[in-house]
Amino acid sequence: VRSVRACLTPVVRILAMIFYLDAGRVGGCGYIIRGWPFGRVRVQQQAEDGAGGGRDSKAEARLKAALNQTSLKTFEPLDELLEMKMNFIFVCFFAPIMPGGLIPTIIARLLEVRAKATKLFFVRRRYWPDDARLLHDTQNGFAHLAAVLAVVWHVGLVLVSYNQHLPSSEWGKT
């Protein structure tokens, strides 16, 4: 059992660093070799009344939670928005080709949006809030451009697929 644990521990640490932890904050390769970079947490300050048993354990728990929070990867809202936009373009452009795929895609996107809340609150470090004007401005431009491109794409597919004379036309020949 010890040999299996000794072999799997570096693999688990590598996977944790890839998917869960911020390599720069946990020490990179040092984390893979030595493990968790933070030592045992103990609160040294005594309560003013001399009985600090419950307060010290709460303070230690808060300190451990803060250390765990700093070791996580940062939640990047711009990357998440980019992924959502790419999924929207995917649906817009492939809906006329395979309309039956819309229902599973929409269900998957709804589940993904629900999972992003879990990702924000539990898996990733919280992002320092920025001004949201950039997100709103790019979203507005994206929606207009996506609508125009979707209309052009749909019209092009209709003109190409229902044109019976396209193979015999002289238009595409050199």
Protein backbone atom coordinates (compact mmCIF):
# COMPACT_ATOMS: atom_id res chain seq x y z
CA VAL A 1 0.00 0.00 0.00
CA ARG A 2 2.84 2.40 0.78
CA SER A 3 4.56 1.76 -2.54
CA VAL A 4 1.34 2.44 -4.45
CA ARG A 5 0.85 5.65 -2.49
CA ALA A 6 4.47 6.65 -3.08
CA CYS A 7 4.05 6.13 -6.83
CA LEU A 8 0.68 7.85 -7.13
CA THR A 9 1.41 10.88 -4.94
CA PRO A 10 3.50 12.72 -7.58
CA VAL A 11 0.91 11.91 -10.26
CA VAL A 12 -1.90 13.28 -8.10
CA ARG A 13 0.15 16.39 -7.32
CA ILE A 14 0.88 16.97 -11.02
CA LEU A 15 -2.81 16.63 -11.87
CA ALA A 16 -3.73 18.98 -9.01
CA MET A 17 -1.27 21.55 -10.29
CA ILE A 18 -2.62 21.28 -13.84
CA PHE A 19 -6.32 21.47 -13.02
CA TYR A 20 -6.72 22.92 -9.56
CA LEU A 21 -3.75 24.80 -8.10
CA ASP A 22 -1.81 27.85 -9.24
CA ALA A 23 1.73 26.57 -9.81
CA GLY A 24 3.35 29.91 -9.01
CA ARG A 25 1.67 30.11 -5.63
CA VAL A 26 2.33 26.56 -4.42
CA GLY A 27 5.97 26.43 -5.47
CA GLY A 28 5.84 24.70 -8.88
CA CYS A 29 8.10 21.66 -9.00
CA GLY A 30 8.78 21.96 -5.29
CA TYR A 31 5.12 21.16 -4.67
CA ILE A 32 5.40 17.99 -6.74
CA ILE A 33 8.42 16.84 -4.72
CA ARG A 34 7.68 18.09 -1.19
CA GLY A 35 3.91 18.58 -1.12
CA TRP A 36 1.87 21.35 0.43
CA PRO A 37 4.06 24.47 0.78
CA PHE A 38 2.42 25.82 3.92
CA GLY A 39 3.33 24.32 7.27
CA ARG A 40 1.00 23.54 10.13
CA VAL A 41 -1.10 26.58 11.00
CA ARG A 42 -1.27 27.65 14.63
CA VAL A 43 -2.58 30.89 16.02
CA GLN A 44 -0.13 32.31 18.58
CA GLN A 45 -2.25 35.17 19.88
CA GLN A 46 -4.14 34.44 23.10
CA ALA A 47 -7.59 35.79 23.75
CA GLU A 48 -7.70 38.77 26.09
CA ASP A 49 -9.75 36.92 28.68
CA GLY A 50 -7.33 33.98 28.69
CA ALA A 51 -9.80 31.35 27.40
CA GLY A 52 -9.32 31.25 23.69
CA GLY A 53 -9.99 27.57 22.92
CA GLY A 54 -12.94 28.07 20.57
CA ARG A 55 -11.71 31.32 19.09
CA ASP A 56 -8.28 29.94 18.24
CA SER A 57 -9.73 27.00 16.31
CA LYS A 58 -12.00 29.38 14.37
CA ALA A 59 -9.06 31.64 13.61
CA GLU A 60 -6.99 28.65 12.49
CA ALA A 61 -9.82 27.49 10.24
CA ARG A 62 -10.09 30.97 8.69
CA LEU A 63 -6.33 31.10 8.18
CA LYS A 64 -6.29 27.66 6.53
CA ALA A 65 -9.18 28.72 4.28
CA ALA A 66 -7.25 31.86 3.27
CA LEU A 67 -4.14 29.82 2.45
CA ASN A 68 -6.20 27.36 0.41
CA GLN A 69 -7.86 30.26 -1.42
CA THR A 70 -4.50 31.78 -2.40
CA SER A 71 -3.23 28.48 -3.80
CA LEU A 72 -6.14 28.09 -6.24
CA LYS A 73 -6.10 29.15 -9.88
CA THR A 74 -7.85 32.45 -10.59
CA PHE A 75 -11.37 32.48 -12.03
CA GLU A 76 -11.07 34.38 -15.32
CA PRO A 77 -14.41 35.92 -16.34
CA LEU A 78 -13.12 37.04 -19.76
CA ASP A 79 -12.09 33.48 -20.61
CA GLU A 80 -15.45 32.15 -19.48
CA LEU A 81 -17.26 34.75 -21.60
CA LEU A 82 -15.10 33.87 -24.61
CA GLU A 83 -16.03 30.21 -24.19
CA MET A 84 -19.73 31.09 -24.02
CA LYS A 85 -19.42 33.21 -27.18
CA MET A 86 -17.69 30.40 -29.05
CA ASN A 87 -20.46 28.00 -28.01
CA PHE A 88 -23.07 30.47 -29.26
CA ILE A 89 -21.31 30.76 -32.65
CA PHE A 90 -21.11 26.97 -32.80
CA VAL A 91 -24.87 26.70 -32.29
CA CYS A 92 -25.66 29.48 -34.79
CA PHE A 93 -23.55 28.04 -37.58
CA PHE A 94 -24.34 24.34 -37.16
CA ALA A 95 -28.07 24.60 -36.39
CA PRO A 96 -29.11 24.51 -40.08
CA ILE A 97 -26.80 21.58 -40.79
CA MET A 98 -27.96 19.38 -37.88
CA PRO A 99 -31.02 20.82 -36.13
CA GLY A 100 -31.44 17.71 -33.99
CA GLY A 101 -28.20 18.57 -32.23
CA LEU A 102 -29.65 21.76 -30.77
CA ILE A 103 -31.49 20.10 -27.89
CA PRO A 104 -28.48 18.18 -26.48
CA THR A 105 -26.28 21.24 -27.02
CA ILE A 106 -28.66 23.53 -25.15
CA ILE A 107 -28.97 21.02 -22.29
CA ALA A 108 -25.17 20.76 -22.10
CA ARG A 109 -24.83 24.55 -22.04
CA LEU A 110 -27.38 24.88 -19.24
CA LEU A 111 -25.49 22.31 -17.18
CA GLU A 112 -22.24 24.11 -17.94
CA VAL A 113 -23.61 27.44 -16.75
CA ARG A 114 -24.73 25.80 -13.49
CA ALA A 115 -21.28 24.25 -13.08
CA LYS A 116 -19.59 27.62 -13.54
CA ALA A 117 -21.14 28.84 -10.30
CA THR A 118 -19.57 25.89 -8.49
CA LYS A 119 -16.30 26.61 -10.26
CA LEU A 120 -16.43 30.25 -9.15
CA PHE A 121 -17.29 29.58 -5.52
CA PHE A 122 -15.38 26.40 -4.71
CA VAL A 123 -12.76 25.44 -7.31
CA ARG A 124 -11.15 28.73 -8.32
CA ARG A 125 -9.81 31.76 -6.48
CA ARG A 126 -12.16 34.69 -6.62
CA TYR A 127 -11.31 37.36 -9.12
CA TRP A 128 -10.73 40.95 -8.08
CA PRO A 129 -13.68 42.88 -9.55
CA ASP A 130 -13.00 45.08 -12.55
CA ASP A 131 -15.11 47.49 -14.51
CA ALA A 132 -17.76 45.63 -16.50
CA ARG A 133 -17.92 48.13 -19.38
CA LEU A 134 -15.47 46.08 -21.45
CA LEU A 135 -17.66 42.99 -21.10
CA HIS A 136 -20.83 44.88 -22.00
CA ASP A 137 -19.31 46.71 -24.97
CA THR A 138 -17.78 43.58 -26.49
CA GLN A 139 -20.99 41.60 -25.88
CA ASN A 140 -23.05 44.17 -27.76
CA GLY A 141 -20.69 44.19 -30.75
CA PHE A 142 -20.47 40.41 -30.70
CA ALA A 143 -24.26 39.99 -30.75
CA HIS A 144 -24.63 42.29 -33.77
CA LEU A 145 -21.80 40.64 -35.69
CA ALA A 146 -22.98 37.12 -34.85
CA ALA A 147 -26.50 37.94 -36.07
CA VAL A 148 -25.23 39.32 -39.39
CA LEU A 149 -22.83 36.43 -39.96
CA ALA A 150 -25.51 33.87 -39.06
CA VAL A 151 -27.89 35.37 -41.62
CA VAL A 152 -25.20 35.37 -44.32
CA TRP A 153 -24.26 31.76 -43.42
CA HIS A 154 -27.88 30.55 -43.55
CA VAL A 155 -28.58 32.31 -46.86
CA GLY A 156 -25.37 30.90 -48.34
CA LEU A 157 -26.28 27.38 -47.28
CA VAL A 158 -29.76 27.72 -48.77
CA LEU A 159 -28.43 29.10 -52.06
CA VAL A 160 -25.78 26.40 -52.41
CA SER A 161 -27.81 23.41 -51.29
CA TYR A 162 -30.99 24.15 -53.27
CA ASN A 163 -29.31 25.32 -56.49
CA GLN A 164 -29.82 22.52 -59.00
CA HIS A 165 -27.69 24.20 -61.68
CA LEU A 166 -24.61 24.77 -59.51
CA PRO A 167 -22.63 21.70 -60.74
CA SER A 168 -23.19 22.56 -64.40
CA SER A 169 -22.65 26.31 -64.14
CA GLU A 170 -19.65 28.08 -65.68
CA TRP A 171 -19.27 30.33 -62.67
CA GLY A 172 -16.84 28.20 -60.68
CA LYS A 173 -14.75 26.84 -63.57
CA THR A 174 -11.40 28.29 -64.54
